[in-house]
Amino acid sequence: MAYYDSSFDANRTTLRRRIARLFETPFDRRYRKRTARIDELRMLSDAELCRRGIAREDILFHVFSGKA
């Protein structure tokens, strides 16, 4: 029986991503950072968001208003 460790693939940067980063514009970079920040905040529990003073429905406003 073969064993496949999927965590190895998730942490690797592919050649395609490396090439894409070479041609990345400032807009692309900003979009990628905002998307990552939104994902980070959405993964937090409601209690953790409350401690940071953010309501779940205000995550997008918080990130796009520059408060993040």
PDB file of N, CA and C in Angstrom:
ATOM      1  N   MET A   1       0.840  -1.168   0.000  1.00  0.00           N
ATOM      2  CA  MET A   1       0.000   0.000   0.000  1.00  0.00           C
ATOM      3  C   MET A   1       0.890   1.239   0.000  1.00  0.00           C
ATOM      4  N   ALA A   2       0.553   2.202  -0.844  1.00  0.00           N
ATOM      5  CA  ALA A   2       1.338   3.425  -0.970  1.00  0.00           C
ATOM      6  C   ALA A   2       0.843   4.470   0.026  1.00  0.00           C
ATOM      7  N   TYR A   3       1.774   5.304   0.451  1.00  0.00           N
ATOM      8  CA  TYR A   3       1.436   6.387   1.365  1.00  0.00           C
ATOM      9  C   TYR A   3       1.678   7.705   0.647  1.00  0.00           C
ATOM     10  N   TYR A   4       0.700   8.587   0.693  1.00  0.00           N
ATOM     11  CA  TYR A   4       0.813   9.889   0.040  1.00  0.00           C
ATOM     12  C   TYR A   4       0.639  10.981   1.083  1.00  0.00           C
ATOM     13  N   ASP A   5       1.626  11.827   1.239  1.00  0.00           N
ATOM     14  CA  ASP A   5       1.580  12.931   2.190  1.00  0.00           C
ATOM     15  C   ASP A   5       1.179  14.195   1.439  1.00  0.00           C
ATOM     16  N   SER A   6      -0.061  14.616   1.574  1.00  0.00           N
ATOM     17  CA  SER A   6      -0.554  15.775   0.829  1.00  0.00           C
ATOM     18  C   SER A   6      -0.045  17.097   1.398  1.00  0.00           C
ATOM     19  N   SER A   7       0.451  17.114   2.619  1.00  0.00           N
ATOM     20  CA  SER A   7       0.944  18.362   3.193  1.00  0.00           C
ATOM     21  C   SER A   7       2.207  18.839   2.481  1.00  0.00           C
ATOM     22  N   PHE A   8       2.947  17.935   1.891  1.00  0.00           N
ATOM     23  CA  PHE A   8       4.154  18.310   1.168  1.00  0.00           C
ATOM     24  C   PHE A   8       3.807  19.174  -0.039  1.00  0.00           C
ATOM     25  N   ASP A   9       2.782  18.794  -0.792  1.00  0.00           N
ATOM     26  CA  ASP A   9       2.393  19.550  -1.979  1.00  0.00           C
ATOM     27  C   ASP A   9       1.827  20.913  -1.626  1.00  0.00           C
ATOM     28  N   ALA A  10       1.113  21.029  -0.527  1.00  0.00           N
ATOM     29  CA  ALA A  10       0.481  22.284  -0.155  1.00  0.00           C
ATOM     30  C   ALA A  10       1.502  23.350   0.209  1.00  0.00           C
ATOM     31  N   ASN A  11       2.664  22.949   0.693  1.00  0.00           N
ATOM     32  CA  ASN A  11       3.663  23.918   1.121  1.00  0.00           C
ATOM     33  C   ASN A  11       4.673  24.271   0.033  1.00  0.00           C
ATOM     34  N   ARG A  12       4.616  23.598  -1.088  1.00  0.00           N
ATOM     35  CA  ARG A  12       5.572  23.848  -2.169  1.00  0.00           C
ATOM     36  C   ARG A  12       5.123  24.998  -3.050  1.00  0.00           C
ATOM     37  N   THR A  13       6.071  25.777  -3.509  1.00  0.00           N
ATOM     38  CA  THR A  13       5.800  26.805  -4.496  1.00  0.00           C
ATOM     39  C   THR A  13       6.093  26.200  -5.860  1.00  0.00           C
ATOM     40  N   THR A  14       5.099  26.175  -6.712  1.00  0.00           N
ATOM     41  CA  THR A  14       5.270  25.566  -8.018  1.00  0.00           C
ATOM     42  C   THR A  14       6.026  26.505  -8.955  1.00  0.00           C
ATOM     43  N   LEU A  15       6.551  25.944  -9.999  1.00  0.00           N
ATOM     44  CA  LEU A  15       7.256  26.733 -11.006  1.00  0.00           C
ATOM     45  C   LEU A  15       6.307  27.751 -11.631  1.00  0.00           C
ATOM     46  N   ARG A  16       5.079  27.354 -11.839  1.00  0.00           N
ATOM     47  CA  ARG A  16       4.091  28.258 -12.424  1.00  0.00           C
ATOM     48  C   ARG A  16       3.876  29.482 -11.527  1.00  0.00           C
ATOM     49  N   ARG A  17       3.804  29.258 -10.204  1.00  0.00           N
ATOM     50  CA  ARG A  17       3.630  30.385  -9.273  1.00  0.00           C
ATOM     51  C   ARG A  17       4.864  31.282  -9.264  1.00  0.00           C
ATOM     52  N   ARG A  18       6.036  30.686  -9.333  1.00  0.00           N
ATOM     53  CA  ARG A  18       7.267  31.482  -9.343  1.00  0.00           C
ATOM     54  C   ARG A  18       7.326  32.382 -10.570  1.00  0.00           C
ATOM     55  N   ILE A  19       6.972  31.834 -11.726  1.00  0.00           N
ATOM     56  CA  ILE A  19       6.981  32.623 -12.963  1.00  0.00           C
ATOM     57  C   ILE A  19       5.917  33.710 -12.894  1.00  0.00           C
ATOM     58  N   ALA A  20       4.746  33.385 -12.366  1.00  0.00           N
ATOM     59  CA  ALA A  20       3.676  34.373 -12.241  1.00  0.00           C
ATOM     60  C   ALA A  20       4.102  35.529 -11.342  1.00  0.00           C
ATOM     61  N   ARG A  21       4.849  35.234 -10.295  1.00  0.00           N
ATOM     62  CA  ARG A  21       5.313  36.293  -9.389  1.00  0.00           C
ATOM     63  C   ARG A  21       6.308  37.228 -10.077  1.00  0.00           C
ATOM     64  N   LEU A  22       7.041  36.714 -11.063  1.00  0.00           N
ATOM     65  CA  LEU A  22       7.977  37.568 -11.798  1.00  0.00           C
ATOM     66  C   LEU A  22       7.247  38.669 -12.557  1.00  0.00           C
ATOM     67  N   PHE A  23       6.052  38.350 -13.039  1.00  0.00           N
ATOM     68  CA  PHE A  23       5.280  39.296 -13.842  1.00  0.00           C
ATOM     69  C   PHE A  23       4.151  39.946 -13.051  1.00  0.00           C
ATOM     70  N   GLU A  24       4.228  39.839 -11.744  1.00  0.00           N
ATOM     71  CA  GLU A  24       3.171  40.367 -10.886  1.00  0.00           C
ATOM     72  C   GLU A  24       3.227  41.902 -10.839  1.00  0.00           C
ATOM     73  N   THR A  25       2.074  42.519 -10.988  1.00  0.00           N
ATOM     74  CA  THR A  25       1.977  43.972 -10.912  1.00  0.00           C
ATOM     75  C   THR A  25       1.712  44.389  -9.461  1.00  0.00           C
ATOM     76  N   PRO A  26       1.880  45.656  -9.153  1.00  0.00           N
ATOM     77  CA  PRO A  26       1.534  46.113  -7.792  1.00  0.00           C
ATOM     78  C   PRO A  26       0.078  45.823  -7.432  1.00  0.00           C
ATOM     79  N   PHE A  27      -0.825  45.929  -8.408  1.00  0.00           N
ATOM     80  CA  PHE A  27      -2.228  45.603  -8.161  1.00  0.00           C
ATOM     81  C   PHE A  27      -2.380  44.133  -7.778  1.00  0.00           C
ATOM     82  N   ASP A  28      -1.695  43.236  -8.497  1.00  0.00           N
ATOM     83  CA  ASP A  28      -1.754  41.801  -8.190  1.00  0.00           C
ATOM     84  C   ASP A  28      -1.237  41.514  -6.783  1.00  0.00           C
ATOM     85  N   ARG A  29      -0.158  42.168  -6.422  1.00  0.00           N
ATOM     86  CA  ARG A  29       0.444  41.978  -5.104  1.00  0.00           C
ATOM     87  C   ARG A  29      -0.507  42.427  -4.001  1.00  0.00           C
ATOM     88  N   ARG A  30      -1.114  43.601  -4.204  1.00  0.00           N
ATOM     89  CA  ARG A  30      -2.065  44.119  -3.226  1.00  0.00           C
ATOM     90  C   ARG A  30      -3.279  43.207  -3.121  1.00  0.00           C
ATOM     91  N   TYR A  31      -3.781  42.706  -4.247  1.00  0.00           N
ATOM     92  CA  TYR A  31      -4.926  41.792  -4.263  1.00  0.00           C
ATOM     93  C   TYR A  31      -4.595  40.500  -3.509  1.00  0.00           C
ATOM     94  N   ARG A  32      -3.400  39.961  -3.751  1.00  0.00           N
ATOM     95  CA  ARG A  32      -2.994  38.721  -3.084  1.00  0.00           C
ATOM     96  C   ARG A  32      -2.888  38.916  -1.578  1.00  0.00           C
ATOM     97  N   LYS A  33      -2.326  40.045  -1.148  1.00  0.00           N
ATOM     98  CA  LYS A  33      -2.194  40.311   0.284  1.00  0.00           C
ATOM     99  C   LYS A  33      -3.551  40.507   0.948  1.00  0.00           C
ATOM    100  N   ARG A  34      -4.441  41.232   0.282  1.00  0.00           N
ATOM    101  CA  ARG A  34      -5.776  41.445   0.857  1.00  0.00           C
ATOM    102  C   ARG A  34      -6.559  40.140   0.939  1.00  0.00           C
ATOM    103  N   THR A  35      -6.452  39.331  -0.093  1.00  0.00           N
ATOM    104  CA  THR A  35      -7.144  38.045  -0.091  1.00  0.00           C
ATOM    105  C   THR A  35      -6.629  37.162   1.041  1.00  0.00           C
ATOM    106  N   ALA A  36      -5.326  37.152   1.243  1.00  0.00           N
ATOM    107  CA  ALA A  36      -4.747  36.362   2.336  1.00  0.00           C
ATOM    108  C   ALA A  36      -5.224  36.881   3.685  1.00  0.00           C
ATOM    109  N   ARG A  37      -5.288  38.205   3.841  1.00  0.00           N
ATOM    110  CA  ARG A  37      -5.751  38.792   5.105  1.00  0.00           C
ATOM    111  C   ARG A  37      -7.217  38.452   5.372  1.00  0.00           C
ATOM    112  N   ILE A  38      -8.047  38.492   4.340  1.00  0.00           N
ATOM    113  CA  ILE A  38      -9.457  38.134   4.483  1.00  0.00           C
ATOM    114  C   ILE A  38      -9.579  36.675   4.904  1.00  0.00           C
ATOM    115  N   ASP A  39      -8.807  35.805   4.273  1.00  0.00           N
ATOM    116  CA  ASP A  39      -8.830  34.382   4.638  1.00  0.00           C
ATOM    117  C   ASP A  39      -8.409  34.172   6.085  1.00  0.00           C
ATOM    118  N   GLU A  40      -7.362  34.903   6.516  1.00  0.00           N
ATOM    119  CA  GLU A  40      -6.900  34.788   7.908  1.00  0.00           C
ATOM    120  C   GLU A  40      -8.008  35.181   8.884  1.00  0.00           C
ATOM    121  N   LEU A  41      -8.662  36.303   8.605  1.00  0.00           N
ATOM    122  CA  LEU A  41      -9.711  36.776   9.509  1.00  0.00           C
ATOM    123  C   LEU A  41     -10.928  35.855   9.501  1.00  0.00           C
ATOM    124  N   ARG A  42     -11.270  35.320   8.346  1.00  0.00           N
ATOM    125  CA  ARG A  42     -12.422  34.422   8.273  1.00  0.00           C
ATOM    126  C   ARG A  42     -12.183  33.111   9.014  1.00  0.00           C
ATOM    127  N   MET A  43     -10.929  32.721   9.176  1.00  0.00           N
ATOM    128  CA  MET A  43     -10.618  31.483   9.884  1.00  0.00           C
ATOM    129  C   MET A  43     -10.692  31.654  11.402  1.00  0.00           C
ATOM    130  N   LEU A  44     -10.713  32.888  11.890  1.00  0.00           N
ATOM    131  CA  LEU A  44     -10.795  33.132  13.327  1.00  0.00           C
ATOM    132  C   LEU A  44     -12.209  32.861  13.843  1.00  0.00           C
ATOM    133  N   SER A  45     -12.301  32.526  15.106  1.00  0.00           N
ATOM    134  CA  SER A  45     -13.616  32.319  15.714  1.00  0.00           C
ATOM    135  C   SER A  45     -14.253  33.681  15.991  1.00  0.00           C
ATOM    136  N   ASP A  46     -15.544  33.680  16.282  1.00  0.00           N
ATOM    137  CA  ASP A  46     -16.236  34.926  16.591  1.00  0.00           C
ATOM    138  C   ASP A  46     -15.651  35.593  17.835  1.00  0.00           C
ATOM    139  N   ALA A  47     -15.240  34.792  18.805  1.00  0.00           N
ATOM    140  CA  ALA A  47     -14.648  35.339  20.031  1.00  0.00           C
ATOM    141  C   ALA A  47     -13.320  36.035  19.725  1.00  0.00           C
ATOM    142  N   GLU A  48     -12.495  35.428  18.863  1.00  0.00           N
ATOM    143  CA  GLU A  48     -11.216  36.037  18.498  1.00  0.00           C
ATOM    144  C   GLU A  48     -11.422  37.330  17.713  1.00  0.00           C
ATOM    145  N   LEU A  49     -12.413  37.330  16.835  1.00  0.00           N
ATOM    146  CA  LEU A  49     -12.716  38.552  16.083  1.00  0.00           C
ATOM    147  C   LEU A  49     -13.207  39.649  17.028  1.00  0.00           C
ATOM    148  N   CYS A  50     -14.024  39.278  17.995  1.00  0.00           N
ATOM    149  CA  CYS A  50     -14.555  40.237  18.963  1.00  0.00           C
ATOM    150  C   CYS A  50     -13.417  40.875  19.749  1.00  0.00           C
ATOM    151  N   ARG A  51     -12.422  40.083  20.130  1.00  0.00           N
ATOM    152  CA  ARG A  51     -11.265  40.620  20.848  1.00  0.00           C
ATOM    153  C   ARG A  51     -10.500  41.635  20.013  1.00  0.00           C
ATOM    154  N   ARG A  52     -10.546  41.469  18.716  1.00  0.00           N
ATOM    155  CA  ARG A  52      -9.868  42.413  17.815  1.00  0.00           C
ATOM    156  C   ARG A  52     -10.767  43.585  17.437  1.00  0.00           C
ATOM    157  N   GLY A  53     -12.026  43.526  17.889  1.00  0.00           N
ATOM    158  CA  GLY A  53     -12.956  44.615  17.609  1.00  0.00           C
ATOM    159  C   GLY A  53     -13.555  44.569  16.217  1.00  0.00           C
ATOM    160  N   ILE A  54     -13.669  43.366  15.661  1.00  0.00           N
ATOM    161  CA  ILE A  54     -14.190  43.191  14.304  1.00  0.00           C
ATOM    162  C   ILE A  54     -15.386  42.259  14.355  1.00  0.00           C
ATOM    163  N   ALA A  55     -16.488  42.646  13.728  1.00  0.00           N
ATOM    164  CA  ALA A  55     -17.623  41.746  13.571  1.00  0.00           C
ATOM    165  C   ALA A  55     -17.408  40.942  12.292  1.00  0.00           C
ATOM    166  N   ARG A  56     -17.904  39.719  12.268  1.00  0.00           N
ATOM    167  CA  ARG A  56     -17.694  38.853  11.110  1.00  0.00           C
ATOM    168  C   ARG A  56     -18.198  39.496   9.819  1.00  0.00           C
ATOM    169  N   GLU A  57     -19.312  40.186   9.895  1.00  0.00           N
ATOM    170  CA  GLU A  57     -19.874  40.802   8.682  1.00  0.00           C
ATOM    171  C   GLU A  57     -19.082  42.038   8.240  1.00  0.00           C
ATOM    172  N   ASP A  58     -18.169  42.524   9.079  1.00  0.00           N
ATOM    173  CA  ASP A  58     -17.373  43.699   8.748  1.00  0.00           C
ATOM    174  C   ASP A  58     -15.950  43.371   8.309  1.00  0.00           C
ATOM    175  N   ILE A  59     -15.654  42.115   8.079  1.00  0.00           N
ATOM    176  CA  ILE A  59     -14.290  41.723   7.702  1.00  0.00           C
ATOM    177  C   ILE A  59     -13.863  42.411   6.402  1.00  0.00           C
ATOM    178  N   LEU A  60     -14.704  42.368   5.386  1.00  0.00           N
ATOM    179  CA  LEU A  60     -14.335  42.987   4.105  1.00  0.00           C
ATOM    180  C   LEU A  60     -14.137  44.490   4.258  1.00  0.00           C
ATOM    181  N   PHE A  61     -15.039  45.148   4.979  1.00  0.00           N
ATOM    182  CA  PHE A  61     -14.896  46.579   5.219  1.00  0.00           C
ATOM    183  C   PHE A  61     -13.593  46.881   5.953  1.00  0.00           C
ATOM    184  N   HIS A  62     -13.283  46.074   6.929  1.00  0.00           N
ATOM    185  CA  HIS A  62     -12.079  46.260   7.732  1.00  0.00           C
ATOM    186  C   HIS A  62     -10.827  46.148   6.862  1.00  0.00           C
ATOM    187  N   VAL A  63     -10.781  45.152   6.009  1.00  0.00           N
ATOM    188  CA  VAL A  63      -9.605  44.926   5.170  1.00  0.00           C
ATOM    189  C   VAL A  63      -9.494  46.001   4.094  1.00  0.00           C
ATOM    190  N   PHE A  64     -10.601  46.321   3.411  1.00  0.00           N
ATOM    191  CA  PHE A  64     -10.539  47.258   2.301  1.00  0.00           C
ATOM    192  C   PHE A  64     -10.485  48.711   2.739  1.00  0.00           C
ATOM    193  N   SER A  65     -10.797  48.997   3.997  1.00  0.00           N
ATOM    194  CA  SER A  65     -10.692  50.366   4.475  1.00  0.00           C
ATOM    195  C   SER A  65      -9.264  50.700   4.915  1.00  0.00           C
ATOM    196  N   GLY A  66      -8.397  49.695   4.906  1.00  0.00           N
ATOM    197  CA  GLY A  66      -7.007  49.920   5.254  1.00  0.00           C
ATOM    198  C   GLY A  66      -6.708  49.791   6.732  1.00  0.00           C
ATOM    199  N   LYS A  67      -7.659  49.289   7.499  1.00  0.00           N
ATOM    200  CA  LYS A  67      -7.453  49.147   8.932  1.00  0.00           C
ATOM    201  C   LYS A  67      -6.748  47.855   9.284  1.00  0.00           C
ATOM    202  N   ALA A  68      -6.612  46.969   8.317  1.00  0.00           N
ATOM    203  CA  ALA A  68      -6.026  45.653   8.591  1.00  0.00           C
ATOM    204  C   ALA A  68      -4.539  45.697   8.718  1.00  0.00           C
TER     205      ALA A  68
END
